[in-house]
């Protein structure tokens, strides 16, 4: 399976392959035997240049590209890689596109919007807990993603552990938390179906449009609140991408 598109007479080709030039990453049972499995990679060719990148979301190896999990991951990652090159070349149409920098951008742009928002809010919550000077904050794991331990659960725990914790939540932080609640109401939890929105989906505008449509329904077309919540998400996404995005 591969993705090929034409853009300004320059072709993007993305071909998945199992990197058998490297040592196997493990083995899997095959009947009564074991067989080697290899890491999933992509060969990207654009404007007569090429590079190779390792799959971001693959946590193991495969014996064949026809593996059922690989068949879910490959089209998702091919789509993301194609979007990244399309988006960044549109920003600087008169410049050569440096594939040498694609790895870092890929590993950042492919992060889910939901995770980026959640991580940002956890960091702010951790800083708020620090400001309480309460000794319990030293033993509190703000990076706990097990089960239902989301940022809102962590907020509830903080409110119970730290006296008058509400005074450490400023207006902006409160708006960001409310925005994240709206985001969850619209999109739910799609982190494990390889159909979730990534940072490049936000930056190329497709996810921004989907978010706006959801906000219109929830906020009854309140243009001010819609603009506020879109701006909050956009600021957080740009903060995450500030050292990665190719500037015009």
C-alpha atoms as a PDB file:
ATOM      1  CA  UNK A   1       0.000   0.000   0.000  1.00  0.00           C
ATOM      2  CA  UNK A   2       1.396   3.418  -0.884  1.00  0.00           C
ATOM      3  CA  UNK A   3       0.246   6.998  -1.416  1.00  0.00           C
ATOM      4  CA  UNK A   4       1.045   9.025  -4.540  1.00  0.00           C
ATOM      5  CA  UNK A   5      -0.195  12.524  -5.392  1.00  0.00           C
ATOM      6  CA  UNK A   6       0.732  15.268  -7.864  1.00  0.00           C
ATOM      7  CA  UNK A   7       1.395  18.815  -6.717  1.00  0.00           C
ATOM      8  CA  UNK A   8       2.897  21.498  -8.962  1.00  0.00           C
ATOM      9  CA  UNK A   9       4.304  18.744 -11.203  1.00  0.00           C
ATOM     10  CA  UNK A  10       6.239  17.309  -8.263  1.00  0.00           C
ATOM     11  CA  UNK A  11       5.259  13.827  -7.210  1.00  0.00           C
ATOM     12  CA  UNK A  12       5.157  12.554  -3.635  1.00  0.00           C
ATOM     13  CA  UNK A  13       5.558   8.818  -3.264  1.00  0.00           C
ATOM     14  CA  UNK A  14       5.392   7.083   0.105  1.00  0.00           C
ATOM     15  CA  UNK A  15       6.142   3.388   0.155  1.00  0.00           C
ATOM     16  CA  UNK A  16       5.930   1.264   3.311  1.00  0.00           C
ATOM     17  CA  UNK A  17       8.422  -1.566   3.807  1.00  0.00           C
ATOM     18  CA  UNK A  18       9.741  -3.867   6.489  1.00  0.00           C
ATOM     19  CA  UNK A  19      13.363  -2.975   7.165  1.00  0.00           C
ATOM     20  CA  UNK A  20      15.069  -6.339   6.811  1.00  0.00           C
ATOM     21  CA  UNK A  21      18.424  -4.560   6.500  1.00  0.00           C
ATOM     22  CA  UNK A  22      18.280  -4.078  10.265  1.00  0.00           C
ATOM     23  CA  UNK A  23      18.157  -6.801  12.878  1.00  0.00           C
ATOM     24  CA  UNK A  24      14.714  -8.218  13.692  1.00  0.00           C
ATOM     25  CA  UNK A  25      12.917  -6.379  16.479  1.00  0.00           C
ATOM     26  CA  UNK A  26      11.568  -9.668  17.852  1.00  0.00           C
ATOM     27  CA  UNK A  27       9.798 -12.865  16.930  1.00  0.00           C
ATOM     28  CA  UNK A  28       6.201 -14.073  16.736  1.00  0.00           C
ATOM     29  CA  UNK A  29       4.650 -17.518  16.958  1.00  0.00           C
ATOM     30  CA  UNK A  30       3.905 -19.187  13.639  1.00  0.00           C
ATOM     31  CA  UNK A  31       2.301 -22.561  14.266  1.00  0.00           C
ATOM     32  CA  UNK A  32       4.855 -24.457  16.339  1.00  0.00           C
ATOM     33  CA  UNK A  33       7.685 -22.252  15.154  1.00  0.00           C
ATOM     34  CA  UNK A  34       8.890 -18.718  15.665  1.00  0.00           C
ATOM     35  CA  UNK A  35       9.514 -16.242  12.876  1.00  0.00           C
ATOM     36  CA  UNK A  36      11.369 -12.940  12.859  1.00  0.00           C
ATOM     37  CA  UNK A  37       9.487  -9.664  12.743  1.00  0.00           C
ATOM     38  CA  UNK A  38      10.887  -6.390  11.420  1.00  0.00           C
ATOM     39  CA  UNK A  39      10.317  -2.676  11.978  1.00  0.00           C
ATOM     40  CA  UNK A  40       7.931  -0.814   9.683  1.00  0.00           C
ATOM     41  CA  UNK A  41       9.520   2.004   7.678  1.00  0.00           C
ATOM     42  CA  UNK A  42       8.475   4.377   4.909  1.00  0.00           C
ATOM     43  CA  UNK A  43      10.504   5.461   1.903  1.00  0.00           C
ATOM     44  CA  UNK A  44       9.484   9.004   0.930  1.00  0.00           C
ATOM     45  CA  UNK A  45      10.390  10.399  -2.477  1.00  0.00           C
ATOM     46  CA  UNK A  46       9.745  14.026  -3.412  1.00  0.00           C
ATOM     47  CA  UNK A  47      11.280  16.141  -6.173  1.00  0.00           C
ATOM     48  CA  UNK A  48      13.954  13.502  -6.904  1.00  0.00           C
ATOM     49  CA  UNK A  49      14.984  13.421  -3.242  1.00  0.00           C
ATOM     50  CA  UNK A  50      14.273  10.593  -0.863  1.00  0.00           C
ATOM     51  CA  UNK A  51      14.505   9.680   2.796  1.00  0.00           C
ATOM     52  CA  UNK A  52      13.421   6.871   5.101  1.00  0.00           C
ATOM     53  CA  UNK A  53      11.423   7.165   8.314  1.00  0.00           C
ATOM     54  CA  UNK A  54      10.431   4.630  10.924  1.00  0.00           C
ATOM     55  CA  UNK A  55       6.730   4.200  11.679  1.00  0.00           C
ATOM     56  CA  UNK A  56       5.746   6.369  14.635  1.00  0.00           C
ATOM     57  CA  UNK A  57       2.773   4.444  15.985  1.00  0.00           C
ATOM     58  CA  UNK A  58       4.066   0.898  15.518  1.00  0.00           C
ATOM     59  CA  UNK A  59       5.055  -0.546  18.893  1.00  0.00           C
ATOM     60  CA  UNK A  60       6.296  -3.870  17.566  1.00  0.00           C
ATOM     61  CA  UNK A  61       7.414  -5.399  14.264  1.00  0.00           C
ATOM     62  CA  UNK A  62       5.693  -7.360  11.516  1.00  0.00           C
ATOM     63  CA  UNK A  63       6.384 -10.437   9.470  1.00  0.00           C
ATOM     64  CA  UNK A  64       4.304  -9.095   6.599  1.00  0.00           C
ATOM     65  CA  UNK A  65       2.765  -5.768   5.558  1.00  0.00           C
ATOM     66  CA  UNK A  66      -0.515  -7.661   5.349  1.00  0.00           C
ATOM     67  CA  UNK A  67      -0.626  -7.906   9.152  1.00  0.00           C
ATOM     68  CA  UNK A  68      -4.031  -6.622  10.322  1.00  0.00           C
ATOM     69  CA  UNK A  69      -2.561  -3.946  12.601  1.00  0.00           C
ATOM     70  CA  UNK A  70      -0.134  -2.803   9.927  1.00  0.00           C
ATOM     71  CA  UNK A  71      -3.072  -2.455   7.561  1.00  0.00           C
ATOM     72  CA  UNK A  72      -4.610   0.067   9.967  1.00  0.00           C
ATOM     73  CA  UNK A  73      -1.439   2.013  10.690  1.00  0.00           C
ATOM     74  CA  UNK A  74      -0.017   2.267   7.167  1.00  0.00           C
ATOM     75  CA  UNK A  75      -2.812   4.276   5.486  1.00  0.00           C
ATOM     76  CA  UNK A  76      -3.041   6.544   8.529  1.00  0.00           C
ATOM     77  CA  UNK A  77       0.677   7.345   8.557  1.00  0.00           C
ATOM     78  CA  UNK A  78       0.878   7.653   4.761  1.00  0.00           C
ATOM     79  CA  UNK A  79      -1.936  10.205   4.928  1.00  0.00           C
ATOM     80  CA  UNK A  80      -0.143  12.182   7.653  1.00  0.00           C
ATOM     81  CA  UNK A  81       3.188  12.216   5.809  1.00  0.00           C
ATOM     82  CA  UNK A  82       1.474  13.354   2.622  1.00  0.00           C
ATOM     83  CA  UNK A  83      -0.351  16.121   4.482  1.00  0.00           C
ATOM     84  CA  UNK A  84       2.878  17.361   6.079  1.00  0.00           C
ATOM     85  CA  UNK A  85       4.683  17.713   2.763  1.00  0.00           C
ATOM     86  CA  UNK A  86       1.634  19.272   1.098  1.00  0.00           C
ATOM     87  CA  UNK A  87       1.164  21.791   3.887  1.00  0.00           C
ATOM     88  CA  UNK A  88       4.784  22.822   4.270  1.00  0.00           C
ATOM     89  CA  UNK A  89       5.492  23.140   0.559  1.00  0.00           C
ATOM     90  CA  UNK A  90       2.385  25.336   0.262  1.00  0.00           C
ATOM     91  CA  UNK A  91       3.932  27.711   2.826  1.00  0.00           C
ATOM     92  CA  UNK A  92       7.130  28.148   0.823  1.00  0.00           C
ATOM     93  CA  UNK A  93       6.313  27.291  -2.809  1.00  0.00           C
ATOM     94  CA  UNK A  94       9.467  28.935  -4.123  1.00  0.00           C
ATOM     95  CA  UNK A  95      11.853  27.018  -1.870  1.00  0.00           C
ATOM     96  CA  UNK A  96      13.255  23.524  -2.128  1.00  0.00           C
ATOM     97  CA  UNK A  97      11.706  21.298   0.489  1.00  0.00           C
ATOM     98  CA  UNK A  98      14.361  19.750   2.792  1.00  0.00           C
ATOM     99  CA  UNK A  99      13.456  16.110   3.382  1.00  0.00           C
ATOM    100  CA  UNK A 100      16.346  15.980   5.811  1.00  0.00           C
ATOM    101  CA  UNK A 101      14.179  17.755   8.388  1.00  0.00           C
ATOM    102  CA  UNK A 102      11.096  15.632   7.842  1.00  0.00           C
ATOM    103  CA  UNK A 103      11.745  13.169  10.686  1.00  0.00           C
ATOM    104  CA  UNK A 104      11.361  15.684  13.505  1.00  0.00           C
ATOM    105  CA  UNK A 105       8.357  17.297  11.847  1.00  0.00           C
ATOM    106  CA  UNK A 106       6.695  13.924  11.284  1.00  0.00           C
ATOM    107  CA  UNK A 107       7.210  12.905  14.903  1.00  0.00           C
ATOM    108  CA  UNK A 108       5.589  16.159  16.048  1.00  0.00           C
ATOM    109  CA  UNK A 109       2.837  16.748  13.492  1.00  0.00           C
ATOM    110  CA  UNK A 110       1.534  13.186  13.926  1.00  0.00           C
ATOM    111  CA  UNK A 111       0.776  13.773  17.608  1.00  0.00           C
ATOM    112  CA  UNK A 112      -2.949  13.844  18.295  1.00  0.00           C
ATOM    113  CA  UNK A 113      -4.630  17.156  19.035  1.00  0.00           C
ATOM    114  CA  UNK A 114      -6.334  15.548  22.036  1.00  0.00           C
ATOM    115  CA  UNK A 115      -3.009  14.454  23.532  1.00  0.00           C
ATOM    116  CA  UNK A 116      -1.422  17.856  22.909  1.00  0.00           C
ATOM    117  CA  UNK A 117      -4.261  19.642  24.713  1.00  0.00           C
ATOM    118  CA  UNK A 118      -4.263  17.130  27.557  1.00  0.00           C
ATOM    119  CA  UNK A 119      -0.494  17.332  28.061  1.00  0.00           C
ATOM    120  CA  UNK A 120      -0.577  21.125  28.027  1.00  0.00           C
ATOM    121  CA  UNK A 121      -3.308  21.221  30.682  1.00  0.00           C
ATOM    122  CA  UNK A 122      -1.573  18.611  32.855  1.00  0.00           C
ATOM    123  CA  UNK A 123       1.558  20.759  32.865  1.00  0.00           C
ATOM    124  CA  UNK A 124      -0.436  23.822  33.941  1.00  0.00           C
ATOM    125  CA  UNK A 125      -2.186  21.772  36.619  1.00  0.00           C
ATOM    126  CA  UNK A 126       1.170  20.535  37.919  1.00  0.00           C
ATOM    127  CA  UNK A 127       2.450  24.125  38.143  1.00  0.00           C
ATOM    128  CA  UNK A 128      -0.706  25.156  40.001  1.00  0.00           C
ATOM    129  CA  UNK A 129      -0.168  22.317  42.481  1.00  0.00           C
ATOM    130  CA  UNK A 130       3.431  23.434  42.975  1.00  0.00           C
ATOM    131  CA  UNK A 131       2.268  26.923  43.883  1.00  0.00           C
ATOM    132  CA  UNK A 132       0.293  25.505  46.815  1.00  0.00           C
ATOM    133  CA  UNK A 133       3.601  24.538  48.499  1.00  0.00           C
ATOM    134  CA  UNK A 134       1.742  21.541  49.888  1.00  0.00           C
ATOM    135  CA  UNK A 135       4.028  18.485  50.404  1.00  0.00           C
ATOM    136  CA  UNK A 136       1.531  16.152  48.681  1.00  0.00           C
ATOM    137  CA  UNK A 137       2.271  17.623  45.266  1.00  0.00           C
ATOM    138  CA  UNK A 138       5.709  15.969  45.378  1.00  0.00           C
ATOM    139  CA  UNK A 139       4.119  12.517  45.400  1.00  0.00           C
ATOM    140  CA  UNK A 140       1.434  13.264  42.805  1.00  0.00           C
ATOM    141  CA  UNK A 141       1.963  11.693  39.366  1.00  0.00           C
ATOM    142  CA  UNK A 142       0.578  14.131  36.801  1.00  0.00           C
ATOM    143  CA  UNK A 143       1.723  11.872  33.943  1.00  0.00           C
ATOM    144  CA  UNK A 144      -0.563   9.012  34.975  1.00  0.00           C
ATOM    145  CA  UNK A 145      -2.565   8.042  31.863  1.00  0.00           C
ATOM    146  CA  UNK A 146      -3.937   4.763  33.208  1.00  0.00           C
ATOM    147  CA  UNK A 147      -7.657   4.073  32.972  1.00  0.00           C
ATOM    148  CA  UNK A 148      -9.855   7.128  33.492  1.00  0.00           C
ATOM    149  CA  UNK A 149      -7.034   9.246  34.892  1.00  0.00           C
ATOM    150  CA  UNK A 150      -7.606  12.240  32.620  1.00  0.00           C
ATOM    151  CA  UNK A 151      -6.847  15.868  33.399  1.00  0.00           C
ATOM    152  CA  UNK A 152     -10.323  16.411  34.839  1.00  0.00           C
ATOM    153  CA  UNK A 153      -9.883  13.512  37.275  1.00  0.00           C
ATOM    154  CA  UNK A 154      -6.534  14.985  38.288  1.00  0.00           C
ATOM    155  CA  UNK A 155      -8.221  18.333  38.819  1.00  0.00           C
ATOM    156  CA  UNK A 156     -10.801  16.726  41.123  1.00  0.00           C
ATOM    157  CA  UNK A 157      -8.031  15.067  43.135  1.00  0.00           C
ATOM    158  CA  UNK A 158      -6.151  18.353  43.440  1.00  0.00           C
ATOM    159  CA  UNK A 159      -9.304  20.081  44.682  1.00  0.00           C
ATOM    160  CA  UNK A 160      -9.602  17.462  47.445  1.00  0.00           C
ATOM    161  CA  UNK A 161      -5.922  17.351  48.387  1.00  0.00           C
ATOM    162  CA  UNK A 162      -4.991  21.017  48.370  1.00  0.00           C
ATOM    163  CA  UNK A 163      -6.943  23.546  50.463  1.00  0.00           C
ATOM    164  CA  UNK A 164      -8.490  26.411  48.457  1.00  0.00           C
ATOM    165  CA  UNK A 165      -7.049  24.981  45.263  1.00  0.00           C
ATOM    166  CA  UNK A 166      -9.547  26.922  43.164  1.00  0.00           C
ATOM    167  CA  UNK A 167      -7.621  30.148  43.763  1.00  0.00           C
ATOM    168  CA  UNK A 168      -4.659  28.681  41.871  1.00  0.00           C
ATOM    169  CA  UNK A 169      -6.765  28.257  38.715  1.00  0.00           C
ATOM    170  CA  UNK A 170      -6.723  31.575  36.863  1.00  0.00           C
ATOM    171  CA  UNK A 171      -9.236  32.759  34.279  1.00  0.00           C
ATOM    172  CA  UNK A 172      -7.218  31.643  31.258  1.00  0.00           C
ATOM    173  CA  UNK A 173      -6.618  28.166  32.677  1.00  0.00           C
ATOM    174  CA  UNK A 174     -10.319  27.850  33.464  1.00  0.00           C
ATOM    175  CA  UNK A 175     -11.199  28.807  29.878  1.00  0.00           C
ATOM    176  CA  UNK A 176      -8.726  26.240  28.548  1.00  0.00           C
ATOM    177  CA  UNK A 177     -10.248  23.503  30.708  1.00  0.00           C
ATOM    178  CA  UNK A 178     -13.746  24.396  29.511  1.00  0.00           C
ATOM    179  CA  UNK A 179     -12.488  24.364  25.925  1.00  0.00           C
ATOM    180  CA  UNK A 180     -11.077  20.867  26.409  1.00  0.00           C
ATOM    181  CA  UNK A 181     -14.441  19.709  27.770  1.00  0.00           C
ATOM    182  CA  UNK A 182     -16.108  21.014  24.612  1.00  0.00           C
ATOM    183  CA  UNK A 183     -13.484  19.276  22.485  1.00  0.00           C
ATOM    184  CA  UNK A 184     -14.255  15.956  24.182  1.00  0.00           C
ATOM    185  CA  UNK A 185     -17.991  16.428  23.758  1.00  0.00           C
ATOM    186  CA  UNK A 186     -17.502  16.910  20.029  1.00  0.00           C
ATOM    187  CA  UNK A 187     -14.900  14.248  19.229  1.00  0.00           C
ATOM    188  CA  UNK A 188     -14.963  11.784  22.126  1.00  0.00           C
ATOM    189  CA  UNK A 189     -11.994   9.467  22.505  1.00  0.00           C
ATOM    190  CA  UNK A 190     -10.565   8.232  19.191  1.00  0.00           C
ATOM    191  CA  UNK A 191      -6.994   7.665  20.265  1.00  0.00           C
ATOM    192  CA  UNK A 192      -6.850   3.973  19.431  1.00  0.00           C
ATOM    193  CA  UNK A 193      -8.643   3.647  16.090  1.00  0.00           C
ATOM    194  CA  UNK A 194      -6.054   5.391  13.869  1.00  0.00           C
ATOM    195  CA  UNK A 195      -8.718   7.866  12.800  1.00  0.00           C
ATOM    196  CA  UNK A 196      -7.964  10.649  15.261  1.00  0.00           C
ATOM    197  CA  UNK A 197      -7.061  14.229  14.433  1.00  0.00           C
ATOM    198  CA  UNK A 198      -3.372  15.105  14.473  1.00  0.00           C
ATOM    199  CA  UNK A 199      -1.560  18.422  14.643  1.00  0.00           C
ATOM    200  CA  UNK A 200      -1.139  18.525  10.873  1.00  0.00           C
ATOM    201  CA  UNK A 201      -4.914  18.070  10.518  1.00  0.00           C
ATOM    202  CA  UNK A 202      -5.300  21.190  12.641  1.00  0.00           C
ATOM    203  CA  UNK A 203      -2.650  23.179  10.792  1.00  0.00           C
ATOM    204  CA  UNK A 204      -3.979  22.402   7.314  1.00  0.00           C
ATOM    205  CA  UNK A 205      -7.411  23.585   8.449  1.00  0.00           C
ATOM    206  CA  UNK A 206      -9.427  20.382   8.136  1.00  0.00           C
ATOM    207  CA  UNK A 207      -9.723  19.751  11.873  1.00  0.00           C
ATOM    208  CA  UNK A 208     -10.237  23.424  12.620  1.00  0.00           C
ATOM    209  CA  UNK A 209     -13.301  23.322  10.386  1.00  0.00           C
ATOM    210  CA  UNK A 210     -14.610  20.155  12.064  1.00  0.00           C
ATOM    211  CA  UNK A 211     -14.100  21.740  15.509  1.00  0.00           C
ATOM    212  CA  UNK A 212     -15.912  24.891  14.447  1.00  0.00           C
ATOM    213  CA  UNK A 213     -18.880  22.906  13.135  1.00  0.00           C
ATOM    214  CA  UNK A 214     -19.108  21.045  16.444  1.00  0.00           C
ATOM    215  CA  UNK A 215     -18.861  24.279  18.408  1.00  0.00           C
ATOM    216  CA  UNK A 216     -21.697  25.824  16.409  1.00  0.00           C
ATOM    217  CA  UNK A 217     -24.017  23.072  17.614  1.00  0.00           C
ATOM    218  CA  UNK A 218     -22.887  23.112  21.242  1.00  0.00           C
ATOM    219  CA  UNK A 219     -22.678  26.892  21.584  1.00  0.00           C
ATOM    220  CA  UNK A 220     -25.753  27.726  19.512  1.00  0.00           C
ATOM    221  CA  UNK A 221     -23.775  29.682  16.920  1.00  0.00           C
ATOM    222  CA  UNK A 222     -22.326  32.091  19.497  1.00  0.00           C
ATOM    223  CA  UNK A 223     -19.626  33.552  17.241  1.00  0.00           C
ATOM    224  CA  UNK A 224     -17.671  35.075  20.126  1.00  0.00           C
ATOM    225  CA  UNK A 225     -17.379  31.841  22.089  1.00  0.00           C
ATOM    226  CA  UNK A 226     -16.644  29.866  18.932  1.00  0.00           C
ATOM    227  CA  UNK A 227     -13.782  32.205  18.021  1.00  0.00           C
ATOM    228  CA  UNK A 228     -12.463  32.116  21.605  1.00  0.00           C
ATOM    229  CA  UNK A 229     -12.321  28.318  21.749  1.00  0.00           C
ATOM    230  CA  UNK A 230     -10.753  27.978  18.322  1.00  0.00           C
ATOM    231  CA  UNK A 231      -8.137  30.538  19.326  1.00  0.00           C
ATOM    232  CA  UNK A 232      -7.379  28.670  22.564  1.00  0.00           C
ATOM    233  CA  UNK A 233      -6.728  25.404  20.732  1.00  0.00           C
ATOM    234  CA  UNK A 234      -4.735  27.154  18.017  1.00  0.00           C
ATOM    235  CA  UNK A 235      -2.462  28.824  20.552  1.00  0.00           C
ATOM    236  CA  UNK A 236      -1.744  25.520  22.298  1.00  0.00           C
ATOM    237  CA  UNK A 237      -1.041  23.765  18.998  1.00  0.00           C
ATOM    238  CA  UNK A 238       1.330  26.538  17.891  1.00  0.00           C
ATOM    239  CA  UNK A 239       3.100  26.355  21.243  1.00  0.00           C
ATOM    240  CA  UNK A 240       3.716  22.656  20.628  1.00  0.00           C
ATOM    241  CA  UNK A 241       4.939  23.305  17.077  1.00  0.00           C
ATOM    242  CA  UNK A 242       6.932  26.478  17.644  1.00  0.00           C
ATOM    243  CA  UNK A 243      10.317  24.802  17.151  1.00  0.00           C
ATOM    244  CA  UNK A 244       9.146  22.568  14.298  1.00  0.00           C
ATOM    245  CA  UNK A 245       6.889  24.472  11.907  1.00  0.00           C
ATOM    246  CA  UNK A 246       8.546  25.674   8.701  1.00  0.00           C
ATOM    247  CA  UNK A 247       8.010  29.436   8.667  1.00  0.00           C
ATOM    248  CA  UNK A 248       7.064  31.147   5.394  1.00  0.00           C
END
